[in-house]
């Protein structure tokens, strides 16, 4: 694995985390709107829970794969430690969302 691969993986994980946060925000908004009594409103189909589950699965798979690849790569130790720290921060940010309890 090269430094470019590491940067790409970190960028993909950050983008995935951003999508997870956006899906959660959309879900909260939808729930709030649904709680308002509007008998005339047509219920729209909502694929947000499925999209959230898929994005969370992608994030976890990419995170675990990146940890595994880092351990087997020829990346310098200092860079490896920095990347592991960044991965731990991303992992914690997603963990705080408690998606593991949900899925």
PDB file of N, CA and C in Angstrom:
ATOM      1  N   UNK A   1       0.847  -1.172   0.000  1.00  0.00           N
ATOM      2  CA  UNK A   1       0.000   0.000   0.000  1.00  0.00           C
ATOM      3  C   UNK A   1       0.891   1.232   0.000  1.00  0.00           C
ATOM      4  N   UNK A   2       0.508   2.210  -0.800  1.00  0.00           N
ATOM      5  CA  UNK A   2       1.279   3.442  -0.879  1.00  0.00           C
ATOM      6  C   UNK A   2       0.587   4.535  -0.073  1.00  0.00           C
ATOM      7  N   UNK A   3       1.292   5.642   0.090  1.00  0.00           N
ATOM      8  CA  UNK A   3       0.715   6.775   0.814  1.00  0.00           C
ATOM      9  C   UNK A   3      -0.523   7.311   0.090  1.00  0.00           C
ATOM     10  N   UNK A   4      -0.528   7.247  -1.235  1.00  0.00           N
ATOM     11  CA  UNK A   4      -1.703   7.685  -1.997  1.00  0.00           C
ATOM     12  C   UNK A   4      -2.909   6.806  -1.692  1.00  0.00           C
ATOM     13  N   UNK A   5      -2.679   5.506  -1.567  1.00  0.00           N
ATOM     14  CA  UNK A   5      -3.761   4.589  -1.220  1.00  0.00           C
ATOM     15  C   UNK A   5      -4.315   4.908   0.166  1.00  0.00           C
ATOM     16  N   UNK A   6      -3.429   5.206   1.091  1.00  0.00           N
ATOM     17  CA  UNK A   6      -3.841   5.544   2.449  1.00  0.00           C
ATOM     18  C   UNK A   6      -4.692   6.817   2.432  1.00  0.00           C
ATOM     19  N   UNK A   7      -4.232   7.823   1.710  1.00  0.00           N
ATOM     20  CA  UNK A   7      -4.989   9.078   1.616  1.00  0.00           C
ATOM     21  C   UNK A   7      -6.358   8.842   0.985  1.00  0.00           C
ATOM     22  N   UNK A   8      -6.411   8.016  -0.033  1.00  0.00           N
ATOM     23  CA  UNK A   8      -7.683   7.717  -0.696  1.00  0.00           C
ATOM     24  C   UNK A   8      -8.635   6.999   0.254  1.00  0.00           C
ATOM     25  N   UNK A   9      -8.110   6.045   0.990  1.00  0.00           N
ATOM     26  CA  UNK A   9      -8.945   5.315   1.953  1.00  0.00           C
ATOM     27  C   UNK A   9      -9.477   6.246   3.042  1.00  0.00           C
ATOM     28  N   UNK A  10      -8.623   7.102   3.568  1.00  0.00           N
ATOM     29  CA  UNK A  10      -9.072   8.049   4.592  1.00  0.00           C
ATOM     30  C   UNK A  10     -10.132   8.997   4.036  1.00  0.00           C
ATOM     31  N   UNK A  11      -9.934   9.460   2.820  1.00  0.00           N
ATOM     32  CA  UNK A  11     -10.915  10.350   2.186  1.00  0.00           C
ATOM     33  C   UNK A  11     -12.243   9.623   2.000  1.00  0.00           C
ATOM     34  N   UNK A  12     -12.197   8.372   1.547  1.00  0.00           N
ATOM     35  CA  UNK A  12     -13.422   7.589   1.373  1.00  0.00           C
ATOM     36  C   UNK A  12     -14.145   7.387   2.702  1.00  0.00           C
ATOM     37  N   UNK A  13     -13.390   7.134   3.764  1.00  0.00           N
ATOM     38  CA  UNK A  13     -14.004   6.961   5.076  1.00  0.00           C
ATOM     39  C   UNK A  13     -14.635   8.260   5.574  1.00  0.00           C
ATOM     40  N   UNK A  14     -13.952   9.372   5.371  1.00  0.00           N
ATOM     41  CA  UNK A  14     -14.524  10.670   5.785  1.00  0.00           C
ATOM     42  C   UNK A  14     -15.792  10.981   4.995  1.00  0.00           C
ATOM     43  N   UNK A  15     -15.771  10.695   3.702  1.00  0.00           N
ATOM     44  CA  UNK A  15     -16.964  10.927   2.881  1.00  0.00           C
ATOM     45  C   UNK A  15     -18.111  10.018   3.316  1.00  0.00           C
ATOM     46  N   UNK A  16     -17.798   8.793   3.640  1.00  0.00           N
ATOM     47  CA  UNK A  16     -18.817   7.863   4.112  1.00  0.00           C
ATOM     48  C   UNK A  16     -19.407   8.352   5.434  1.00  0.00           C
ATOM     49  N   UNK A  17     -18.563   8.821   6.331  1.00  0.00           N
ATOM     50  CA  UNK A  17     -19.037   9.371   7.603  1.00  0.00           C
ATOM     51  C   UNK A  17     -19.953  10.570   7.350  1.00  0.00           C
ATOM     52  N   UNK A  18     -19.598  11.404   6.399  1.00  0.00           N
ATOM     53  CA  UNK A  18     -20.451  12.540   6.045  1.00  0.00           C
ATOM     54  C   UNK A  18     -21.808  12.080   5.522  1.00  0.00           C
ATOM     55  N   UNK A  19     -21.822  11.037   4.701  1.00  0.00           N
ATOM     56  CA  UNK A  19     -23.092  10.502   4.192  1.00  0.00           C
ATOM     57  C   UNK A  19     -23.928   9.916   5.330  1.00  0.00           C
ATOM     58  N   UNK A  20     -23.282   9.251   6.271  1.00  0.00           N
ATOM     59  CA  UNK A  20     -24.001   8.697   7.418  1.00  0.00           C
ATOM     60  C   UNK A  20     -24.666   9.828   8.208  1.00  0.00           C
ATOM     61  N   UNK A  21     -23.924  10.894   8.472  1.00  0.00           N
ATOM     62  CA  UNK A  21     -24.503  12.017   9.212  1.00  0.00           C
ATOM     63  C   UNK A  21     -25.657  12.651   8.437  1.00  0.00           C
ATOM     64  N   UNK A  22     -25.514  12.778   7.132  1.00  0.00           N
ATOM     65  CA  UNK A  22     -26.582  13.363   6.314  1.00  0.00           C
ATOM     66  C   UNK A  22     -27.831  12.478   6.333  1.00  0.00           C
ATOM     67  N   UNK A  23     -27.642  11.174   6.245  1.00  0.00           N
ATOM     68  CA  UNK A  23     -28.787  10.258   6.282  1.00  0.00           C
ATOM     69  C   UNK A  23     -29.485  10.307   7.636  1.00  0.00           C
ATOM     70  N   UNK A  24     -28.718  10.411   8.709  1.00  0.00           N
ATOM     71  CA  UNK A  24     -29.329  10.525  10.033  1.00  0.00           C
ATOM     72  C   UNK A  24     -30.099  11.828  10.183  1.00  0.00           C
ATOM     73  N   UNK A  25     -29.554  12.905   9.644  1.00  0.00           N
ATOM     74  CA  UNK A  25     -30.253  14.189   9.700  1.00  0.00           C
ATOM     75  C   UNK A  25     -31.546  14.124   8.884  1.00  0.00           C
ATOM     76  N   UNK A  26     -31.488  13.512   7.726  1.00  0.00           N
ATOM     77  CA  UNK A  26     -32.687  13.362   6.892  1.00  0.00           C
ATOM     78  C   UNK A  26     -33.738  12.520   7.618  1.00  0.00           C
ATOM     79  N   UNK A  27     -33.283  11.467   8.269  1.00  0.00           N
ATOM     80  CA  UNK A  27     -34.195  10.595   9.002  1.00  0.00           C
ATOM     81  C   UNK A  27     -34.877  11.345  10.151  1.00  0.00           C
ATOM     82  N   UNK A  28     -34.114  12.164  10.877  1.00  0.00           N
ATOM     83  CA  UNK A  28     -34.704  12.968  11.962  1.00  0.00           C
ATOM     84  C   UNK A  28     -35.731  13.942  11.418  1.00  0.00           C
ATOM     85  N   UNK A  29     -35.410  14.589  10.315  1.00  0.00           N
ATOM     86  CA  UNK A  29     -36.343  15.525   9.694  1.00  0.00           C
ATOM     87  C   UNK A  29     -37.613  14.808   9.255  1.00  0.00           C
ATOM     88  N   UNK A  30     -37.458  13.680   8.633  1.00  0.00           N
ATOM     89  CA  UNK A  30     -38.611  12.901   8.177  1.00  0.00           C
ATOM     90  C   UNK A  30     -39.485  12.487   9.355  1.00  0.00           C
ATOM     91  N   UNK A  31     -38.860  12.032  10.430  1.00  0.00           N
ATOM     92  CA  UNK A  31     -39.603  11.627  11.623  1.00  0.00           C
ATOM     93  C   UNK A  31     -40.368  12.808  12.217  1.00  0.00           C
ATOM     94  N   UNK A  32     -39.727  13.974  12.245  1.00  0.00           N
ATOM     95  CA  UNK A  32     -40.371  15.181  12.767  1.00  0.00           C
ATOM     96  C   UNK A  32     -41.570  15.568  11.901  1.00  0.00           C
ATOM     97  N   UNK A  33     -41.375  15.492  10.601  1.00  0.00           N
ATOM     98  CA  UNK A  33     -42.467  15.826   9.686  1.00  0.00           C
ATOM     99  C   UNK A  33     -43.612  14.826   9.797  1.00  0.00           C
ATOM    100  N   UNK A  34     -43.285  13.560   9.987  1.00  0.00           N
ATOM    101  CA  UNK A  34     -44.313  12.534  10.121  1.00  0.00           C
ATOM    102  C   UNK A  34     -45.108  12.685  11.411  1.00  0.00           C
ATOM    103  N   UNK A  35     -44.479  13.281  12.429  1.00  0.00           N
ATOM    104  CA  UNK A  35     -45.168  13.422  13.704  1.00  0.00           C
ATOM    105  C   UNK A  35     -46.234  14.519  13.664  1.00  0.00           C
ATOM    106  N   UNK A  36     -46.131  15.416  12.703  1.00  0.00           N
ATOM    107  CA  UNK A  36     -47.129  16.465  12.538  1.00  0.00           C
ATOM    108  C   UNK A  36     -48.377  15.832  11.926  1.00  0.00           C
ATOM    109  N   UNK A  37     -49.500  16.107  12.527  1.00  0.00           N
ATOM    110  CA  UNK A  37     -50.746  15.503  12.046  1.00  0.00           C
ATOM    111  C   UNK A  37     -51.170  16.165  10.738  1.00  0.00           C
ATOM    112  N   UNK A  38     -51.062  15.410   9.673  1.00  0.00           N
ATOM    113  CA  UNK A  38     -51.488  15.895   8.357  1.00  0.00           C
ATOM    114  C   UNK A  38     -52.226  14.760   7.655  1.00  0.00           C
ATOM    115  N   UNK A  39     -53.504  14.608   7.919  1.00  0.00           N
ATOM    116  CA  UNK A  39     -54.240  13.487   7.320  1.00  0.00           C
ATOM    117  C   UNK A  39     -54.321  13.563   5.800  1.00  0.00           C
ATOM    118  N   UNK A  40     -54.131  14.727   5.236  1.00  0.00           N
ATOM    119  CA  UNK A  40     -54.226  14.896   3.801  1.00  0.00           C
ATOM    120  C   UNK A  40     -52.932  14.541   3.080  1.00  0.00           C
ATOM    121  N   UNK A  41     -51.845  14.399   3.839  1.00  0.00           N
ATOM    122  CA  UNK A  41     -50.534  14.163   3.218  1.00  0.00           C
ATOM    123  C   UNK A  41     -50.411  12.724   2.736  1.00  0.00           C
ATOM    124  N   UNK A  42     -49.829  12.584   1.570  1.00  0.00           N
ATOM    125  CA  UNK A  42     -49.577  11.265   0.993  1.00  0.00           C
ATOM    126  C   UNK A  42     -48.252  10.744   1.544  1.00  0.00           C
ATOM    127  N   UNK A  43     -48.246   9.560   2.162  1.00  0.00           N
ATOM    128  CA  UNK A  43     -46.975   9.043   2.704  1.00  0.00           C
ATOM    129  C   UNK A  43     -46.014   8.637   1.580  1.00  0.00           C
ATOM    130  N   UNK A  44     -44.851   9.196   1.634  1.00  0.00           N
ATOM    131  CA  UNK A  44     -43.837   8.898   0.622  1.00  0.00           C
ATOM    132  C   UNK A  44     -43.003   7.701   1.054  1.00  0.00           C
ATOM    133  N   UNK A  45     -42.641   6.833   0.118  1.00  0.00           N
ATOM    134  CA  UNK A  45     -41.754   5.723   0.479  1.00  0.00           C
ATOM    135  C   UNK A  45     -40.397   6.275   0.908  1.00  0.00           C
ATOM    136  N   UNK A  46     -39.801   5.629   1.877  1.00  0.00           N
ATOM    137  CA  UNK A  46     -38.545   6.127   2.428  1.00  0.00           C
ATOM    138  C   UNK A  46     -37.509   5.002   2.455  1.00  0.00           C
ATOM    139  N   UNK A  47     -36.455   5.182   1.701  1.00  0.00           N
ATOM    140  CA  UNK A  47     -35.378   4.185   1.650  1.00  0.00           C
ATOM    141  C   UNK A  47     -34.214   4.559   2.562  1.00  0.00           C
ATOM    142  N   UNK A  48     -34.390   5.593   3.378  1.00  0.00           N
ATOM    143  CA  UNK A  48     -33.305   6.059   4.231  1.00  0.00           C
ATOM    144  C   UNK A  48     -32.760   4.981   5.164  1.00  0.00           C
ATOM    145  N   UNK A  49     -33.609   4.197   5.850  1.00  0.00           N
ATOM    146  CA  UNK A  49     -33.034   3.164   6.734  1.00  0.00           C
ATOM    147  C   UNK A  49     -32.141   2.162   5.982  1.00  0.00           C
ATOM    148  N   UNK A  50     -32.552   1.777   4.808  1.00  0.00           N
ATOM    149  CA  UNK A  50     -31.746   0.836   4.019  1.00  0.00           C
ATOM    150  C   UNK A  50     -30.442   1.490   3.547  1.00  0.00           C
ATOM    151  N   UNK A  51     -30.527   2.736   3.117  1.00  0.00           N
ATOM    152  CA  UNK A  51     -29.323   3.460   2.693  1.00  0.00           C
ATOM    153  C   UNK A  51     -28.357   3.637   3.856  1.00  0.00           C
ATOM    154  N   UNK A  52     -28.910   3.923   5.029  1.00  0.00           N
ATOM    155  CA  UNK A  52     -28.079   4.097   6.214  1.00  0.00           C
ATOM    156  C   UNK A  52     -27.384   2.789   6.587  1.00  0.00           C
ATOM    157  N   UNK A  53     -28.109   1.713   6.531  1.00  0.00           N
ATOM    158  CA  UNK A  53     -27.529   0.401   6.825  1.00  0.00           C
ATOM    159  C   UNK A  53     -26.408   0.066   5.832  1.00  0.00           C
ATOM    160  N   UNK A  54     -26.648   0.336   4.552  1.00  0.00           N
ATOM    161  CA  UNK A  54     -25.629   0.080   3.533  1.00  0.00           C
ATOM    162  C   UNK A  54     -24.387   0.942   3.741  1.00  0.00           C
ATOM    163  N   UNK A  55     -24.596   2.213   4.055  1.00  0.00           N
ATOM    164  CA  UNK A  55     -23.463   3.125   4.244  1.00  0.00           C
ATOM    165  C   UNK A  55     -22.669   2.745   5.488  1.00  0.00           C
ATOM    166  N   UNK A  56     -23.363   2.364   6.541  1.00  0.00           N
ATOM    167  CA  UNK A  56     -22.704   1.930   7.777  1.00  0.00           C
ATOM    168  C   UNK A  56     -21.898   0.656   7.522  1.00  0.00           C
ATOM    169  N   UNK A  57     -22.461  -0.266   6.767  1.00  0.00           N
ATOM    170  CA  UNK A  57     -21.751  -1.506   6.422  1.00  0.00           C
ATOM    171  C   UNK A  57     -20.506  -1.210   5.599  1.00  0.00           C
ATOM    172  N   UNK A  58     -20.647  -0.310   4.633  1.00  0.00           N
ATOM    173  CA  UNK A  58     -19.502   0.086   3.811  1.00  0.00           C
ATOM    174  C   UNK A  58     -18.409   0.686   4.688  1.00  0.00           C
ATOM    175  N   UNK A  59     -18.809   1.585   5.590  1.00  0.00           N
ATOM    176  CA  UNK A  59     -17.844   2.249   6.465  1.00  0.00           C
ATOM    177  C   UNK A  59     -17.079   1.226   7.299  1.00  0.00           C
ATOM    178  N   UNK A  60     -17.814   0.314   7.937  1.00  0.00           N
ATOM    179  CA  UNK A  60     -17.158  -0.684   8.791  1.00  0.00           C
ATOM    180  C   UNK A  60     -16.224  -1.591   7.992  1.00  0.00           C
ATOM    181  N   UNK A  61     -16.660  -2.024   6.832  1.00  0.00           N
ATOM    182  CA  UNK A  61     -15.822  -2.889   6.001  1.00  0.00           C
ATOM    183  C   UNK A  61     -14.549  -2.162   5.577  1.00  0.00           C
ATOM    184  N   UNK A  62     -14.686  -0.922   5.155  1.00  0.00           N
ATOM    185  CA  UNK A  62     -13.518  -0.140   4.728  1.00  0.00           C
ATOM    186  C   UNK A  62     -12.583   0.134   5.903  1.00  0.00           C
ATOM    187  N   UNK A  63     -13.141   0.423   7.063  1.00  0.00           N
ATOM    188  CA  UNK A  63     -12.334   0.687   8.249  1.00  0.00           C
ATOM    189  C   UNK A  63     -11.526  -0.549   8.641  1.00  0.00           C
ATOM    190  N   UNK A  64     -12.190  -1.680   8.743  1.00  0.00           N
ATOM    191  CA  UNK A  64     -11.502  -2.907   9.139  1.00  0.00           C
ATOM    192  C   UNK A  64     -10.474  -3.335   8.104  1.00  0.00           C
ATOM    193  N   UNK A  65     -10.817  -3.182   6.844  1.00  0.00           N
ATOM    194  CA  UNK A  65      -9.878  -3.531   5.787  1.00  0.00           C
ATOM    195  C   UNK A  65      -8.651  -2.631   5.830  1.00  0.00           C
ATOM    196  N   UNK A  66      -8.844  -1.371   6.102  1.00  0.00           N
ATOM    197  CA  UNK A  66      -7.718  -0.428   6.163  1.00  0.00           C
ATOM    198  C   UNK A  66      -6.795  -0.772   7.320  1.00  0.00           C
ATOM    199  N   UNK A  67      -7.376  -1.095   8.477  1.00  0.00           N
ATOM    200  CA  UNK A  67      -6.540  -1.535   9.606  1.00  0.00           C
ATOM    201  C   UNK A  67      -5.720  -2.766   9.219  1.00  0.00           C
ATOM    202  N   UNK A  68      -6.357  -3.730   8.581  1.00  0.00           N
ATOM    203  CA  UNK A  68      -5.669  -4.968   8.205  1.00  0.00           C
ATOM    204  C   UNK A  68      -4.556  -4.706   7.201  1.00  0.00           C
ATOM    205  N   UNK A  69      -4.827  -3.886   6.217  1.00  0.00           N
ATOM    206  CA  UNK A  69      -3.829  -3.593   5.193  1.00  0.00           C
ATOM    207  C   UNK A  69      -2.663  -2.804   5.785  1.00  0.00           C
ATOM    208  N   UNK A  70      -2.948  -1.911   6.720  1.00  0.00           N
ATOM    209  CA  UNK A  70      -1.873  -1.135   7.345  1.00  0.00           C
ATOM    210  C   UNK A  70      -0.883  -2.045   8.068  1.00  0.00           C
ATOM    211  N   UNK A  71      -1.393  -3.073   8.718  1.00  0.00           N
ATOM    212  CA  UNK A  71      -0.514  -3.976   9.464  1.00  0.00           C
ATOM    213  C   UNK A  71       0.400  -4.772   8.544  1.00  0.00           C
ATOM    214  N   UNK A  72      -0.014  -4.977   7.304  1.00  0.00           N
ATOM    215  CA  UNK A  72       0.775  -5.776   6.367  1.00  0.00           C
ATOM    216  C   UNK A  72       1.514  -4.935   5.328  1.00  0.00           C
ATOM    217  N   UNK A  73       1.553  -3.641   5.517  1.00  0.00           N
ATOM    218  CA  UNK A  73       2.147  -2.796   4.481  1.00  0.00           C
ATOM    219  C   UNK A  73       3.556  -2.348   4.860  1.00  0.00           C
ATOM    220  N   UNK A  74       4.194  -1.752   3.867  1.00  0.00           N
ATOM    221  CA  UNK A  74       5.558  -1.262   4.069  1.00  0.00           C
ATOM    222  C   UNK A  74       5.576   0.244   4.327  1.00  0.00           C
ATOM    223  N   UNK A  75       4.510   0.764   4.818  1.00  0.00           N
ATOM    224  CA  UNK A  75       4.423   2.196   5.130  1.00  0.00           C
ATOM    225  C   UNK A  75       5.289   2.478   6.358  1.00  0.00           C
ATOM    226  N   UNK A  76       5.984   3.610   6.363  1.00  0.00           N
ATOM    227  CA  UNK A  76       6.813   3.950   7.524  1.00  0.00           C
ATOM    228  C   UNK A  76       5.990   3.974   8.821  1.00  0.00           C
ATOM    229  N   UNK A  77       6.630   3.599   9.909  1.00  0.00           N
ATOM    230  CA  UNK A  77       5.951   3.464  11.200  1.00  0.00           C
ATOM    231  C   UNK A  77       5.270   4.760  11.638  1.00  0.00           C
ATOM    232  N   UNK A  78       5.917   5.904  11.444  1.00  0.00           N
ATOM    233  CA  UNK A  78       5.334   7.181  11.871  1.00  0.00           C
ATOM    234  C   UNK A  78       4.028   7.461  11.128  1.00  0.00           C
ATOM    235  N   UNK A  79       4.041   7.235   9.815  1.00  0.00           N
ATOM    236  CA  UNK A  79       2.828   7.450   9.026  1.00  0.00           C
ATOM    237  C   UNK A  79       1.750   6.451   9.422  1.00  0.00           C
ATOM    238  N   UNK A  80       2.157   5.216   9.655  1.00  0.00           N
ATOM    239  CA  UNK A  80       1.204   4.178  10.044  1.00  0.00           C
ATOM    240  C   UNK A  80       0.503   4.560  11.354  1.00  0.00           C
ATOM    241  N   UNK A  81       1.258   5.068  12.316  1.00  0.00           N
ATOM    242  CA  UNK A  81       0.671   5.477  13.590  1.00  0.00           C
ATOM    243  C   UNK A  81      -0.285   6.660  13.409  1.00  0.00           C
ATOM    244  N   UNK A  82       0.087   7.594  12.552  1.00  0.00           N
ATOM    245  CA  UNK A  82      -0.782   8.742  12.284  1.00  0.00           C
ATOM    246  C   UNK A  82      -2.091   8.288  11.629  1.00  0.00           C
ATOM    247  N   UNK A  83      -1.995   7.390  10.683  1.00  0.00           N
ATOM    248  CA  UNK A  83      -3.189   6.891  10.003  1.00  0.00           C
ATOM    249  C   UNK A  83      -4.063   6.114  10.988  1.00  0.00           C
ATOM    250  N   UNK A  84      -3.467   5.309  11.838  1.00  0.00           N
ATOM    251  CA  UNK A  84      -4.245   4.564  12.831  1.00  0.00           C
ATOM    252  C   UNK A  84      -4.951   5.509  13.804  1.00  0.00           C
ATOM    253  N   UNK A  85      -4.300   6.602  14.129  1.00  0.00           N
ATOM    254  CA  UNK A  85      -4.933   7.602  14.993  1.00  0.00           C
ATOM    255  C   UNK A  85      -6.142   8.215  14.296  1.00  0.00           C
ATOM    256  N   UNK A  86      -5.987   8.557  13.017  1.00  0.00           N
ATOM    257  CA  UNK A  86      -7.102   9.116  12.252  1.00  0.00           C
ATOM    258  C   UNK A  86      -8.242   8.113  12.112  1.00  0.00           C
ATOM    259  N   UNK A  87      -7.892   6.852  11.924  1.00  0.00           N
ATOM    260  CA  UNK A  87      -8.913   5.804  11.836  1.00  0.00           C
ATOM    261  C   UNK A  87      -9.655   5.661  13.163  1.00  0.00           C
ATOM    262  N   UNK A  88      -8.924   5.740  14.256  1.00  0.00           N
ATOM    263  CA  UNK A  88      -9.550   5.634  15.576  1.00  0.00           C
ATOM    264  C   UNK A  88     -10.519   6.788  15.817  1.00  0.00           C
ATOM    265  N   UNK A  89     -10.153   7.976  15.373  1.00  0.00           N
ATOM    266  CA  UNK A  89     -11.046   9.138  15.521  1.00  0.00           C
ATOM    267  C   UNK A  89     -12.325   8.927  14.711  1.00  0.00           C
ATOM    268  N   UNK A  90     -12.181   8.491  13.472  1.00  0.00           N
ATOM    269  CA  UNK A  90     -13.362   8.228  12.643  1.00  0.00           C
ATOM    270  C   UNK A  90     -14.220   7.118  13.243  1.00  0.00           C
ATOM    271  N   UNK A  91     -13.569   6.076  13.733  1.00  0.00           N
ATOM    272  CA  UNK A  91     -14.291   4.970  14.356  1.00  0.00           C
ATOM    273  C   UNK A  91     -15.086   5.479  15.563  1.00  0.00           C
ATOM    274  N   UNK A  92     -14.475   6.319  16.383  1.00  0.00           N
ATOM    275  CA  UNK A  92     -15.155   6.854  17.563  1.00  0.00           C
ATOM    276  C   UNK A  92     -16.335   7.739  17.156  1.00  0.00           C
ATOM    277  N   UNK A  93     -16.156   8.564  16.136  1.00  0.00           N
ATOM    278  CA  UNK A  93     -17.231   9.456  15.688  1.00  0.00           C
ATOM    279  C   UNK A  93     -18.444   8.652  15.228  1.00  0.00           C
ATOM    280  N   UNK A  94     -18.219   7.547  14.567  1.00  0.00           N
ATOM    281  CA  UNK A  94     -19.330   6.702  14.128  1.00  0.00           C
ATOM    282  C   UNK A  94     -19.894   5.926  15.314  1.00  0.00           C
ATOM    283  N   UNK A  95     -19.036   5.479  16.200  1.00  0.00           N
ATOM    284  CA  UNK A  95     -19.494   4.733  17.373  1.00  0.00           C
ATOM    285  C   UNK A  95     -20.453   5.568  18.228  1.00  0.00           C
ATOM    286  N   UNK A  96     -20.170   6.846  18.359  1.00  0.00           N
ATOM    287  CA  UNK A  96     -20.998   7.749  19.166  1.00  0.00           C
ATOM    288  C   UNK A  96     -22.420   7.850  18.601  1.00  0.00           C
ATOM    289  N   UNK A  97     -22.603   7.550  17.339  1.00  0.00           N
ATOM    290  CA  UNK A  97     -23.924   7.601  16.727  1.00  0.00           C
ATOM    291  C   UNK A  97     -24.788   6.392  17.103  1.00  0.00           C
ATOM    292  N   UNK A  98     -24.194   5.383  17.732  1.00  0.00           N
ATOM    293  CA  UNK A  98     -24.887   4.180  18.218  1.00  0.00           C
ATOM    294  C   UNK A  98     -25.604   3.404  17.116  1.00  0.00           C
ATOM    295  N   UNK A  99     -25.014   3.384  15.955  1.00  0.00           N
ATOM    296  CA  UNK A  99     -25.612   2.607  14.868  1.00  0.00           C
ATOM    297  C   UNK A  99     -25.473   1.107  15.107  1.00  0.00           C
ATOM    298  N   UNK A 100     -24.474   0.714  15.880  1.00  0.00           N
ATOM    299  CA  UNK A 100     -24.285  -0.705  16.183  1.00  0.00           C
ATOM    300  C   UNK A 100     -25.488  -1.274  16.947  1.00  0.00           C
ATOM    301  N   UNK A 101     -26.132  -0.478  17.758  1.00  0.00           N
ATOM    302  CA  UNK A 101     -27.312  -0.918  18.492  1.00  0.00           C
ATOM    303  C   UNK A 101     -28.512  -1.093  17.563  1.00  0.00           C
ATOM    304  N   UNK A 102     -28.506  -0.323  16.534  1.00  0.00           N
ATOM    305  CA  UNK A 102     -29.636  -0.283  15.620  1.00  0.00           C
ATOM    306  C   UNK A 102     -29.604  -1.435  14.620  1.00  0.00           C
ATOM    307  N   UNK A 103     -28.415  -1.776  14.160  1.00  0.00           N
ATOM    308  CA  UNK A 103     -28.300  -2.809  13.136  1.00  0.00           C
ATOM    309  C   UNK A 103     -27.701  -4.054  13.721  1.00  0.00           C
TER     310      UNK A 103
END
